[in-house]
C-alpha atoms as a PDB file:
ATOM      1  CA  MET A   1      18.096   2.366  -7.349  1.00  0.00           C
ATOM      2  CA  ASP A   2      18.063   1.218 -11.307  1.00  0.00           C
ATOM      3  CA  PRO A   3      17.851   4.402 -13.255  1.00  0.00           C
ATOM      4  CA  ARG A   4      15.258   3.076 -15.782  1.00  0.00           C
ATOM      5  CA  LEU A   5      12.737   3.277 -13.031  1.00  0.00           C
ATOM      6  CA  THR A   6       9.693   5.788 -13.238  1.00  0.00           C
ATOM      7  CA  VAL A   7       5.882   5.879 -11.358  1.00  0.00           C
ATOM      8  CA  ALA A   8       2.434   6.164 -12.437  1.00  0.00           C
ATOM      9  CA  GLU A   9      -0.545   6.573 -11.625  1.00  0.00           C
ATOM     10  CA  LEU A  10      -3.183   3.618 -11.826  1.00  0.00           C
ATOM     11  CA  ASP A  11      -5.381   5.093 -14.262  1.00  0.00           C
ATOM     12  CA  PRO A  12      -8.036   2.997 -16.503  1.00  0.00           C
ATOM     13  CA  ASP A  13      -5.542   3.126 -19.383  1.00  0.00           C
ATOM     14  CA  ARG A  14      -2.888   1.503 -17.103  1.00  0.00           C
ATOM     15  CA  TRP A  15      -5.499  -1.094 -15.882  1.00  0.00           C
ATOM     16  CA  PRO A  16      -3.762  -3.971 -17.819  1.00  0.00           C
ATOM     17  CA  HIS A  17      -0.405  -3.292 -16.466  1.00  0.00           C
ATOM     18  CA  PHE A  18      -1.912  -3.789 -13.196  1.00  0.00           C
ATOM     19  CA  LEU A  19      -3.501  -7.095 -13.491  1.00  0.00           C
ATOM     20  CA  ALA A  20      -0.002  -8.368 -15.052  1.00  0.00           C
ATOM     21  CA  LEU A  21       1.603  -7.267 -11.984  1.00  0.00           C
ATOM     22  CA  ALA A  22      -1.717  -9.360  -9.935  1.00  0.00           C
ATOM     23  CA  ARG A  23      -1.165 -12.412 -11.502  1.00  0.00           C
ATOM     24  CA  GLN A  24       2.530 -12.685 -10.459  1.00  0.00           C
ATOM     25  CA  MET A  25       1.406 -12.227  -6.837  1.00  0.00           C
ATOM     26  CA  GLY A  26       1.428 -15.499  -5.776  1.00  0.00           C
ATOM     27  CA  GLY A  27      -1.224 -16.644  -2.963  1.00  0.00           C
ATOM     28  CA  ASN A  28      -2.293 -13.087  -3.027  1.00  0.00           C
ATOM     29  CA  ARG A  29      -3.162 -12.902  -7.011  1.00  0.00           C
ATOM     30  CA  SER A  30      -6.915 -12.696  -6.386  1.00  0.00           C
ATOM     31  CA  CYS A  31      -6.623 -10.018  -3.621  1.00  0.00           C
ATOM     32  CA  TYR A  32      -6.574  -7.285  -6.586  1.00  0.00           C
ATOM     33  CA  CYS A  33      -5.673  -5.153  -3.427  1.00  0.00           C
ATOM     34  CA  MET A  34      -9.102  -5.142  -2.233  1.00  0.00           C
ATOM     35  CA  TRP A  35      -8.611  -7.100   1.240  1.00  0.00           C
ATOM     36  CA  TRP A  36      -8.536  -3.664   2.980  1.00  0.00           C
ATOM     37  CA  ARG A  37     -11.272  -2.085   1.090  1.00  0.00           C
ATOM     38  CA  GLU A  38     -13.789  -4.839   2.564  1.00  0.00           C
ATOM     39  CA  GLU A  39     -15.507  -4.490   5.803  1.00  0.00           C
ATOM     40  CA  ARG A  40     -14.620  -7.282   7.794  1.00  0.00           C
ATOM     41  CA  GLY A  41     -16.658 -10.276   6.907  1.00  0.00           C
ATOM     42  CA  GLU A  42     -17.719  -9.049   4.060  1.00  0.00           C
ATOM     43  CA  ARG A  43     -17.100 -10.887   0.474  1.00  0.00           C
ATOM     44  CA  SER A  44     -19.572  -9.964  -1.994  1.00  0.00           C
ATOM     45  CA  GLY A  45     -20.450 -12.504  -4.915  1.00  0.00           C
ATOM     46  CA  ARG A  46     -18.574 -10.230  -7.869  1.00  0.00           C
ATOM     47  CA  PRO A  47     -15.120 -11.226  -8.658  1.00  0.00           C
ATOM     48  CA  ARG A  48     -12.055  -8.868  -6.738  1.00  0.00           C
ATOM     49  CA  ALA A  49     -10.810  -8.054 -10.024  1.00  0.00           C
ATOM     50  CA  GLU A  50     -14.060  -6.335 -10.905  1.00  0.00           C
ATOM     51  CA  ALA A  51     -14.636  -4.424  -7.783  1.00  0.00           C
ATOM     52  CA  ALA A  52     -10.626  -3.065  -8.533  1.00  0.00           C
ATOM     53  CA  ARG A  53     -11.446  -2.031 -11.843  1.00  0.00           C
ATOM     54  CA  GLU A  54     -14.597   0.502 -10.419  1.00  0.00           C
ATOM     55  CA  VAL A  55     -12.186   1.893  -7.765  1.00  0.00           C
ATOM     56  CA  VAL A  56      -9.764   2.414 -10.445  1.00  0.00           C
ATOM     57  CA  ASP A  57     -12.410   3.911 -12.882  1.00  0.00           C
ATOM     58  CA  GLN A  58     -13.100   6.354 -10.120  1.00  0.00           C
ATOM     59  CA  GLY A  59      -9.673   7.645  -9.325  1.00  0.00           C
ATOM     60  CA  PRO A  60      -6.096   6.335  -8.889  1.00  0.00           C
ATOM     61  CA  PRO A  61      -5.998   3.646  -6.155  1.00  0.00           C
ATOM     62  CA  GLY A  62      -2.373   4.065  -6.160  1.00  0.00           C
ATOM     63  CA  LEU A  63       1.062   3.789  -7.887  1.00  0.00           C
ATOM     64  CA  LEU A  64       2.797   1.706 -10.484  1.00  0.00           C
ATOM     65  CA  ALA A  65       6.228   1.154 -10.954  1.00  0.00           C
ATOM     66  CA  TYR A  66       7.995   0.922 -14.431  1.00  0.00           C
ATOM     67  CA  ALA A  67      11.325  -0.218 -15.718  1.00  0.00           C
ATOM     68  CA  GLY A  68      10.791   1.214 -19.425  1.00  0.00           C
ATOM     69  CA  ASP A  69       7.621  -0.185 -20.427  1.00  0.00           C
ATOM     70  CA  THR A  70       7.710  -3.021 -18.288  1.00  0.00           C
ATOM     71  CA  PRO A  71       5.426  -2.546 -14.849  1.00  0.00           C
ATOM     72  CA  VAL A  72       7.712  -3.888 -12.050  1.00  0.00           C
ATOM     73  CA  GLY A  73       5.981  -2.639  -8.834  1.00  0.00           C
ATOM     74  CA  TRP A  74       2.571  -1.771  -7.192  1.00  0.00           C
ATOM     75  CA  CYS A  75       1.927   0.267  -4.087  1.00  0.00           C
ATOM     76  CA  ALA A  76      -1.873   1.032  -2.667  1.00  0.00           C
ATOM     77  CA  VAL A  77      -2.288   4.502  -1.130  1.00  0.00           C
ATOM     78  CA  ALA A  78      -6.188   6.252  -0.220  1.00  0.00           C
ATOM     79  CA  PRO A  79      -7.439   7.851   2.671  1.00  0.00           C
ATOM     80  CA  ARG A  80      -8.362   5.811   5.393  1.00  0.00           C
ATOM     81  CA  SER A  81     -11.970   5.831   4.881  1.00  0.00           C
ATOM     82  CA  ALA A  82     -11.408   3.955   2.134  1.00  0.00           C
ATOM     83  CA  TYR A  83     -10.260   0.901   4.229  1.00  0.00           C
ATOM     84  CA  PRO A  84     -12.968  -0.282   6.249  1.00  0.00           C
ATOM     85  CA  ARG A  85     -10.978  -3.442   7.342  1.00  0.00           C
ATOM     86  CA  LEU A  86      -7.861  -1.821   7.818  1.00  0.00           C
ATOM     87  CA  ASN A  87      -9.638   0.609  10.458  1.00  0.00           C
ATOM     88  CA  THR A  88     -11.410  -2.056  12.445  1.00  0.00           C
ATOM     89  CA  ALA A  89      -8.263  -5.152  12.689  1.00  0.00           C
ATOM     90  CA  ARG A  90      -6.628  -4.874  15.951  1.00  0.00           C
ATOM     91  CA  ASP A  91      -3.195  -4.053  14.798  1.00  0.00           C
ATOM     92  CA  THR A  92      -3.951  -1.485  12.214  1.00  0.00           C
ATOM     93  CA  ARG A  93      -6.541   0.581  13.230  1.00  0.00           C
ATOM     94  CA  PRO A  94      -6.466   4.045  13.594  1.00  0.00           C
ATOM     95  CA  ALA A  95      -3.755   5.645  16.236  1.00  0.00           C
ATOM     96  CA  ALA A  96      -4.276   8.478  18.613  1.00  0.00           C
ATOM     97  CA  GLY A  97      -4.195  11.724  15.619  1.00  0.00           C
ATOM     98  CA  ALA A  98      -6.094  10.058  12.895  1.00  0.00           C
ATOM     99  CA  ASP A  99      -9.070  11.155  13.783  1.00  0.00           C
ATOM    100  CA  ASP A 100      -9.848  12.428  10.243  1.00  0.00           C
ATOM    101  CA  LEU A 101      -9.937   9.265   8.306  1.00  0.00           C
ATOM    102  CA  ASP A 102     -10.207  11.186   4.738  1.00  0.00           C
ATOM    103  CA  ARG A 103      -7.522  13.396   5.692  1.00  0.00           C
ATOM    104  CA  VAL A 104      -5.204  10.629   6.931  1.00  0.00           C
ATOM    105  CA  TRP A 105      -4.219   8.339   3.934  1.00  0.00           C
ATOM    106  CA  VAL A 106      -2.261   5.050   4.186  1.00  0.00           C
ATOM    107  CA  VAL A 107      -0.036   3.135   2.425  1.00  0.00           C
ATOM    108  CA  SER A 108      -1.644  -0.555   2.320  1.00  0.00           C
ATOM    109  CA  CYS A 109       0.277  -2.467  -0.251  1.00  0.00           C
ATOM    110  CA  PHE A 110       3.234  -3.326  -2.014  1.00  0.00           C
ATOM    111  CA  PHE A 111       4.013  -5.699  -4.278  1.00  0.00           C
ATOM    112  CA  VAL A 112       7.200  -6.326  -6.862  1.00  0.00           C
ATOM    113  CA  PRO A 113       8.012  -9.304  -8.474  1.00  0.00           C
ATOM    114  CA  GLU A 114      10.501 -11.626  -7.110  1.00  0.00           C
ATOM    115  CA  ALA A 115      13.302 -10.272  -9.938  1.00  0.00           C
ATOM    116  CA  TRP A 116      12.695  -6.372  -9.289  1.00  0.00           C
ATOM    117  CA  ARG A 117      12.961  -6.913  -5.158  1.00  0.00           C
ATOM    118  CA  GLY A 118      15.999  -5.555  -3.377  1.00  0.00           C
ATOM    119  CA  ARG A 119      16.586  -3.011  -6.443  1.00  0.00           C
ATOM    120  CA  GLY A 120      14.895   0.201  -4.472  1.00  0.00           C
ATOM    121  CA  VAL A 121      11.340  -0.081  -5.912  1.00  0.00           C
ATOM    122  CA  SER A 122       9.428   0.011  -2.703  1.00  0.00           C
ATOM    123  CA  ARG A 123      11.602   2.531  -1.371  1.00  0.00           C
ATOM    124  CA  MET A 124      10.605   4.486  -5.199  1.00  0.00           C
ATOM    125  CA  LEU A 125       7.415   3.720  -4.882  1.00  0.00           C
ATOM    126  CA  LEU A 126       6.939   4.655  -0.703  1.00  0.00           C
ATOM    127  CA  ALA A 127       8.405   7.876  -1.479  1.00  0.00           C
ATOM    128  CA  ALA A 128       6.178   8.520  -4.496  1.00  0.00           C
ATOM    129  CA  ALA A 129       2.974   7.345  -2.408  1.00  0.00           C
ATOM    130  CA  VAL A 130       3.726  10.600   0.185  1.00  0.00           C
ATOM    131  CA  ASP A 131       3.905  12.832  -2.800  1.00  0.00           C
ATOM    132  CA  PHE A 132       0.922  11.711  -4.096  1.00  0.00           C
ATOM    133  CA  ALA A 133      -0.874  11.483  -1.033  1.00  0.00           C
ATOM    134  CA  TYR A 134      -0.004  15.214   0.163  1.00  0.00           C
ATOM    135  CA  ARG A 135      -0.805  16.687  -3.576  1.00  0.00           C
ATOM    136  CA  ARG A 136      -3.969  15.270  -2.916  1.00  0.00           C
ATOM    137  CA  GLY A 137      -5.038  16.976   0.334  1.00  0.00           C
ATOM    138  CA  ALA A 138      -3.545  14.236   2.972  1.00  0.00           C
ATOM    139  CA  ALA A 139      -2.662  16.243   6.700  1.00  0.00           C
ATOM    140  CA  ALA A 140      -0.602  12.977   7.444  1.00  0.00           C
ATOM    141  CA  VAL A 141       0.394   9.345   5.238  1.00  0.00           C
ATOM    142  CA  GLU A 142       0.143   6.490   7.745  1.00  0.00           C
ATOM    143  CA  GLY A 143       1.572   3.019   7.100  1.00  0.00           C
ATOM    144  CA  VAL A 144       1.378  -0.292   8.533  1.00  0.00           C
ATOM    145  CA  PRO A 145       4.403  -2.381   8.310  1.00  0.00           C
ATOM    146  CA  ILE A 146       6.111  -5.207   9.893  1.00  0.00           C
ATOM    147  CA  ASP A 147       8.814  -5.175  12.036  1.00  0.00           C
ATOM    148  CA  PRO A 148      11.443  -7.851  10.969  1.00  0.00           C
ATOM    149  CA  ALA A 149      12.773  -7.560  14.213  1.00  0.00           C
ATOM    150  CA  VAL A 150      10.408  -9.585  15.712  1.00  0.00           C
ATOM    151  CA  VAL A 151       8.120 -11.011  12.830  1.00  0.00           C
ATOM    152  CA  ASP A 152       9.151 -13.521  10.095  1.00  0.00           C
ATOM    153  CA  ARG A 153       9.686 -11.042   6.778  1.00  0.00           C
ATOM    154  CA  SER A 154       8.142 -13.411   4.135  1.00  0.00           C
ATOM    155  CA  PRO A 155       7.105 -12.006   0.889  1.00  0.00           C
ATOM    156  CA  GLY A 156       3.643 -13.055   1.830  1.00  0.00           C
ATOM    157  CA  GLY A 157       3.777 -11.856   4.852  1.00  0.00           C
ATOM    158  CA  SER A 158       5.356  -8.076   4.326  1.00  0.00           C
ATOM    159  CA  TYR A 159       3.233  -6.981   2.008  1.00  0.00           C
ATOM    160  CA  THR A 160       2.549  -3.879   3.922  1.00  0.00           C
ATOM    161  CA  GLY A 161       6.197  -2.955   3.678  1.00  0.00           C
ATOM    162  CA  THR A 162       8.790  -3.046   6.672  1.00  0.00           C
ATOM    163  CA  LEU A 163       9.526  -0.818   9.736  1.00  0.00           C
ATOM    164  CA  PRO A 164      12.989  -0.082   8.517  1.00  0.00           C
ATOM    165  CA  MET A 165      11.590   0.896   5.159  1.00  0.00           C
ATOM    166  CA  PHE A 166       9.391   3.521   6.503  1.00  0.00           C
ATOM    167  CA  LEU A 167      11.277   4.802   9.415  1.00  0.00           C
ATOM    168  CA  ALA A 168      13.872   5.749   6.547  1.00  0.00           C
ATOM    169  CA  ALA A 169      11.509   7.712   4.400  1.00  0.00           C
ATOM    170  CA  GLY A 170      10.669   9.540   7.054  1.00  0.00           C
ATOM    171  CA  PHE A 171       7.841   8.594   9.247  1.00  0.00           C
ATOM    172  CA  GLU A 172       7.713   7.570  12.799  1.00  0.00           C
ATOM    173  CA  GLU A 173       6.183   4.751  14.712  1.00  0.00           C
ATOM    174  CA  VAL A 174       3.094   5.686  16.884  1.00  0.00           C
ATOM    175  CA  ALA A 175       1.738   2.957  17.603  1.00  0.00           C
ATOM    176  CA  ARG A 176       2.173  -0.860  18.366  1.00  0.00           C
ATOM    177  CA  PRO A 177      -1.064  -2.663  19.215  1.00  0.00           C
ATOM    178  CA  THR A 178       0.644  -5.958  19.995  1.00  0.00           C
ATOM    179  CA  PRO A 179       4.302  -7.362  20.200  1.00  0.00           C
ATOM    180  CA  LYS A 180       4.305  -9.412  17.324  1.00  0.00           C
ATOM    181  CA  ALA A 181       1.991  -7.596  15.051  1.00  0.00           C
ATOM    182  CA  ARG A 182       2.408  -4.514  12.241  1.00  0.00           C
ATOM    183  CA  VAL A 183       3.082  -0.663  13.495  1.00  0.00           C
ATOM    184  CA  THR A 184       1.486   1.971  13.020  1.00  0.00           C
ATOM    185  CA  VAL A 185       3.772   4.558  11.648  1.00  0.00           C
ATOM    186  CA  ARG A 186       2.794   8.410  10.248  1.00  0.00           C
ATOM    187  CA  HIS A 187       4.382  10.931   7.678  1.00  0.00           C
ATOM    188  CA  ARG A 188       3.968  14.385   8.595  1.00  0.00           C
ATOM    189  CA  ARG A 189       4.495  17.102   6.348  1.00  0.00           C
ATOM    190  CA  GLY A 190       7.364  19.791   6.921  1.00  0.00           C
END
């Protein structure tokens, strides 16, 4: 891992850094990490960037990774209750034991620009996200990664992370709703 890497919460002062990363997200650049926060079929008339800015103003919705002063990664993490679409999709809905959606947090999205992939940025963000969630009162932290052993791993398709990365960080598989879908993993303290 690059020793220059640091992590910071996305607050209003860091909004321009998030926007700089969002412009590099390829086909997902218009998402602004709002996809999971919308109800199924919902798409308000206002731009997602505007909605994302409101979320940031209410409190950090995730973490930014930096190499020096340059933003090089993003990770979304929030209570499950903040993600209506995540909770209703067949392959990401809450697994058994996720009864209190305010106390079960989810690491829902990663983005690392191509030049920084393979340097440990996502692993560092995941570790920081787990710590962030527990400091904010999470009882457990979940993820919904893909399993590259059964699903093609493309940058666009692996935005929720990969199963090996989550397992290496101490998560355990708790649900696999369909053979070729996302896997629900859970981390418990202690």
